[in-house]
Every structure is written in C-alpha cells, then in structure tokens.
Amino acid sequence: MKFIKPFRGVPKGEIYPKWYKAGEDCPAELETAAIDTGAVKTKARQQPGAQPLLGVDGDPAATGATDPAAGGAPETPLQ
C-alpha cells in the first residue's frame, strides 16, 4: 500500500515521528492510521457471501427505511 498524500507517523522500533511522502510505501504498523486519515487509497471490502442492501426493484435508495429527518415517521415509536 502506498501513501497518496503526506503522512506523519512513528515507524516500528523508532521513538520519533517521520514524514512520509506520497508514493512511498506505507509500513504495515501504520496502515490503520493511514486508512483512517485517508493517506492511503483502499478498495471497498465486502464480507464473503454478503448481499448488498437493495430495496424495491434493486434500487439501493429504496430500502423501505423511513427517514424521520425528512418528515417521515420512525418505524418504531421512540421511548
């Protein structure tokens, strides 16, 4: 995995942070932080055997969920 933007992190075995440039390899120990900050590009992962959430006629936006913020009523009463 390579950095797509500058990233500052502490490599394994070091005590001081280092600046990594776009294009440099991301050390394995920094991958989680780099992903969280968007410093590396990742591919979307889907669980094996998982089905995408689809609504009416395969439309992902029409899942049947009601959005209370859009003026709809919640499916279950709030307590």
N, C-alpha and C. Protein backbone atom coordinates (compact mmCIF):
# COMPACT_ATOMS: atom_id res chain seq x y z
N MET A 1 0.85 -1.16 0.00
CA MET A 1 0.00 0.00 0.00
C MET A 1 0.90 1.23 0.00
N LYS A 2 0.58 2.19 -0.84
CA LYS A 2 1.39 3.41 -0.94
C LYS A 2 0.58 4.62 -0.48
N PHE A 3 1.31 5.59 0.09
CA PHE A 3 0.67 6.82 0.52
C PHE A 3 0.24 7.63 -0.70
N ILE A 4 -0.92 8.29 -0.59
CA ILE A 4 -1.40 9.16 -1.66
C ILE A 4 -1.29 10.63 -1.28
N LYS A 5 -0.92 10.88 -0.03
CA LYS A 5 -0.67 12.24 0.44
C LYS A 5 0.31 12.17 1.60
N PRO A 6 0.93 13.28 1.99
CA PRO A 6 1.89 13.25 3.09
C PRO A 6 1.25 12.72 4.37
N PHE A 7 2.04 11.99 5.15
CA PHE A 7 1.56 11.36 6.38
C PHE A 7 2.69 11.36 7.39
N ARG A 8 2.35 11.65 8.63
CA ARG A 8 3.34 11.65 9.71
C ARG A 8 3.01 10.51 10.67
N GLY A 9 3.99 9.63 10.90
CA GLY A 9 3.78 8.51 11.79
C GLY A 9 5.08 8.01 12.37
N VAL A 10 4.99 7.21 13.43
CA VAL A 10 6.16 6.66 14.09
C VAL A 10 6.35 5.22 13.63
N PRO A 11 7.40 4.95 12.85
CA PRO A 11 7.65 3.59 12.40
C PRO A 11 8.04 2.67 13.56
N LYS A 12 7.81 1.38 13.37
CA LYS A 12 8.13 0.38 14.38
C LYS A 12 9.61 0.47 14.74
N GLY A 13 9.89 0.46 16.05
CA GLY A 13 11.26 0.50 16.53
C GLY A 13 11.82 1.90 16.69
N GLU A 14 11.07 2.92 16.30
CA GLU A 14 11.52 4.31 16.41
C GLU A 14 10.76 5.00 17.54
N ILE A 15 11.29 6.14 17.98
CA ILE A 15 10.59 6.91 19.03
C ILE A 15 10.14 8.27 18.54
N TYR A 16 10.60 8.66 17.35
CA TYR A 16 10.23 9.95 16.80
C TYR A 16 9.41 9.75 15.52
N PRO A 17 8.45 10.64 15.28
CA PRO A 17 7.66 10.52 14.04
C PRO A 17 8.48 10.88 12.81
N LYS A 18 8.05 10.35 11.69
CA LYS A 18 8.70 10.58 10.41
C LYS A 18 7.64 11.03 9.42
N TRP A 19 7.99 11.95 8.53
CA TRP A 19 7.09 12.34 7.46
C TRP A 19 7.28 11.40 6.28
N TYR A 20 6.18 10.86 5.78
CA TYR A 20 6.19 10.02 4.58
C TYR A 20 5.61 10.84 3.44
N LYS A 21 6.19 10.70 2.26
CA LYS A 21 5.73 11.43 1.08
C LYS A 21 4.76 10.57 0.28
N ALA A 22 3.92 11.22 -0.51
CA ALA A 22 3.03 10.50 -1.42
C ALA A 22 3.89 9.63 -2.33
N GLY A 23 3.49 8.38 -2.52
CA GLY A 23 4.22 7.46 -3.37
C GLY A 23 5.10 6.50 -2.59
N GLU A 24 5.42 6.83 -1.32
CA GLU A 24 6.23 5.93 -0.50
C GLU A 24 5.37 4.78 -0.01
N ASP A 25 6.01 3.65 0.27
CA ASP A 25 5.29 2.50 0.83
C ASP A 25 4.88 2.80 2.26
N CYS A 26 3.67 2.36 2.62
CA CYS A 26 3.16 2.53 3.97
C CYS A 26 3.56 1.32 4.81
N PRO A 27 4.27 1.53 5.92
CA PRO A 27 4.61 0.40 6.79
C PRO A 27 3.34 -0.25 7.34
N ALA A 28 3.38 -1.56 7.49
CA ALA A 28 2.20 -2.32 7.96
C ALA A 28 1.66 -1.79 9.28
N GLU A 29 2.55 -1.39 10.19
CA GLU A 29 2.11 -0.93 11.51
C GLU A 29 1.39 0.42 11.46
N LEU A 30 1.50 1.13 10.34
CA LEU A 30 0.83 2.44 10.22
C LEU A 30 -0.40 2.40 9.30
N GLU A 31 -0.70 1.23 8.72
CA GLU A 31 -1.79 1.15 7.75
C GLU A 31 -3.13 1.59 8.32
N THR A 32 -3.48 1.15 9.53
CA THR A 32 -4.78 1.51 10.10
C THR A 32 -4.92 3.02 10.25
N ALA A 33 -3.90 3.67 10.78
CA ALA A 33 -3.95 5.12 10.95
C ALA A 33 -3.98 5.82 9.60
N ALA A 34 -3.21 5.30 8.64
CA ALA A 34 -3.18 5.91 7.31
C ALA A 34 -4.53 5.78 6.61
N ILE A 35 -5.19 4.64 6.77
CA ILE A 35 -6.52 4.45 6.18
C ILE A 35 -7.51 5.40 6.83
N ASP A 36 -7.47 5.50 8.16
CA ASP A 36 -8.40 6.37 8.88
C ASP A 36 -8.26 7.83 8.50
N THR A 37 -7.07 8.26 8.16
CA THR A 37 -6.85 9.66 7.80
C THR A 37 -6.93 9.91 6.30
N GLY A 38 -7.13 8.84 5.52
CA GLY A 38 -7.24 8.99 4.07
C GLY A 38 -5.90 9.19 3.39
N ALA A 39 -4.81 8.79 4.06
CA ALA A 39 -3.48 8.96 3.48
C ALA A 39 -3.11 7.85 2.50
N VAL A 40 -3.89 6.78 2.48
CA VAL A 40 -3.70 5.69 1.52
C VAL A 40 -5.04 5.38 0.87
N LYS A 41 -4.99 4.91 -0.35
CA LYS A 41 -6.22 4.55 -1.05
C LYS A 41 -6.50 3.08 -0.79
N THR A 42 -7.75 2.78 -0.46
CA THR A 42 -8.14 1.40 -0.20
C THR A 42 -9.28 1.00 -1.12
N LYS A 43 -9.42 -0.28 -1.30
CA LYS A 43 -10.56 -0.80 -2.05
C LYS A 43 -11.64 -1.16 -1.05
N ALA A 44 -12.89 -0.93 -1.43
CA ALA A 44 -14.00 -1.29 -0.55
C ALA A 44 -14.01 -2.80 -0.40
N ARG A 45 -14.14 -3.25 0.83
CA ARG A 45 -14.17 -4.69 1.08
C ARG A 45 -15.58 -5.10 1.43
N GLN A 46 -16.00 -6.23 0.87
CA GLN A 46 -17.32 -6.77 1.18
C GLN A 46 -17.12 -8.14 1.80
N GLN A 47 -17.87 -8.42 2.84
CA GLN A 47 -17.77 -9.71 3.51
C GLN A 47 -18.12 -10.82 2.53
N PRO A 48 -17.39 -11.94 2.56
CA PRO A 48 -17.71 -13.04 1.65
C PRO A 48 -19.14 -13.53 1.87
N GLY A 49 -19.88 -13.67 0.80
CA GLY A 49 -21.26 -14.15 0.88
C GLY A 49 -22.28 -13.08 1.24
N ALA A 50 -21.83 -11.86 1.55
CA ALA A 50 -22.77 -10.79 1.93
C ALA A 50 -23.48 -10.28 0.69
N GLN A 51 -24.74 -9.97 0.84
CA GLN A 51 -25.54 -9.43 -0.25
C GLN A 51 -25.66 -7.93 -0.06
N PRO A 52 -25.60 -7.16 -1.14
CA PRO A 52 -25.79 -5.72 -1.00
C PRO A 52 -27.22 -5.41 -0.57
N LEU A 53 -27.37 -4.33 0.18
CA LEU A 53 -28.69 -3.91 0.63
C LEU A 53 -29.42 -3.24 -0.53
N LEU A 54 -30.47 -3.87 -0.99
CA LEU A 54 -31.25 -3.33 -2.11
C LEU A 54 -32.70 -3.20 -1.69
N GLY A 55 -33.37 -2.24 -2.24
CA GLY A 55 -34.77 -2.02 -1.94
C GLY A 55 -35.64 -2.46 -3.10
N VAL A 56 -36.66 -1.72 -3.36
CA VAL A 56 -37.63 -2.02 -4.39
C VAL A 56 -36.96 -2.05 -5.77
N ASP A 57 -37.18 -3.10 -6.51
CA ASP A 57 -36.64 -3.24 -7.87
C ASP A 57 -35.13 -3.06 -7.93
N GLY A 58 -34.42 -3.47 -6.88
CA GLY A 58 -32.97 -3.39 -6.88
C GLY A 58 -32.41 -2.00 -6.66
N ASP A 59 -33.25 -1.04 -6.31
CA ASP A 59 -32.80 0.33 -6.08
C ASP A 59 -32.25 0.45 -4.66
N PRO A 60 -30.94 0.72 -4.49
CA PRO A 60 -30.39 0.79 -3.15
C PRO A 60 -30.96 1.93 -2.32
N ALA A 61 -31.49 2.96 -2.96
CA ALA A 61 -32.06 4.09 -2.22
C ALA A 61 -33.45 3.78 -1.70
N ALA A 62 -34.11 2.79 -2.27
CA ALA A 62 -35.49 2.47 -1.88
C ALA A 62 -35.51 1.25 -0.98
N THR A 63 -34.88 1.35 0.19
CA THR A 63 -34.79 0.21 1.10
C THR A 63 -36.04 0.08 1.96
N GLY A 64 -36.92 1.03 1.89
CA GLY A 64 -38.13 0.98 2.71
C GLY A 64 -37.94 1.66 4.05
N ALA A 65 -36.75 2.10 4.35
CA ALA A 65 -36.49 2.78 5.61
C ALA A 65 -37.10 4.18 5.56
N THR A 66 -37.62 4.60 6.68
CA THR A 66 -38.21 5.92 6.75
C THR A 66 -37.24 6.86 7.45
N ASP A 67 -37.00 7.99 6.88
CA ASP A 67 -36.08 8.96 7.44
C ASP A 67 -36.86 10.01 8.22
N PRO A 68 -36.81 9.97 9.57
CA PRO A 68 -37.55 10.95 10.36
C PRO A 68 -37.11 12.39 10.07
N ALA A 69 -35.85 12.59 9.71
CA ALA A 69 -35.36 13.94 9.42
C ALA A 69 -36.01 14.50 8.15
N ALA A 70 -36.48 13.63 7.27
CA ALA A 70 -37.10 14.07 6.03
C ALA A 70 -38.62 14.22 6.20
N GLY A 71 -39.09 14.14 7.43
CA GLY A 71 -40.51 14.33 7.69
C GLY A 71 -41.29 13.05 7.79
N GLY A 72 -40.65 11.91 7.64
CA GLY A 72 -41.32 10.62 7.77
C GLY A 72 -41.39 10.20 9.22
N ALA A 73 -42.27 9.28 9.50
CA ALA A 73 -42.41 8.77 10.86
C ALA A 73 -41.44 7.61 11.08
N PRO A 74 -40.87 7.50 12.26
CA PRO A 74 -39.98 6.37 12.53
C PRO A 74 -40.77 5.06 12.49
N GLU A 75 -40.08 3.98 12.15
CA GLU A 75 -40.76 2.69 12.05
C GLU A 75 -41.22 2.19 13.42
N THR A 76 -40.49 2.50 14.47
CA THR A 76 -40.89 2.11 15.81
C THR A 76 -41.02 3.36 16.65
N PRO A 77 -41.98 3.38 17.56
CA PRO A 77 -42.15 4.59 18.38
C PRO A 77 -40.93 4.80 19.27
N LEU A 78 -40.55 6.06 19.45
CA LEU A 78 -39.43 6.38 20.32
C LEU A 78 -39.88 6.32 21.76
N GLN A 79 -39.04 5.82 22.60
CA GLN A 79 -39.37 5.68 24.02
C GLN A 79 -38.84 6.83 24.81
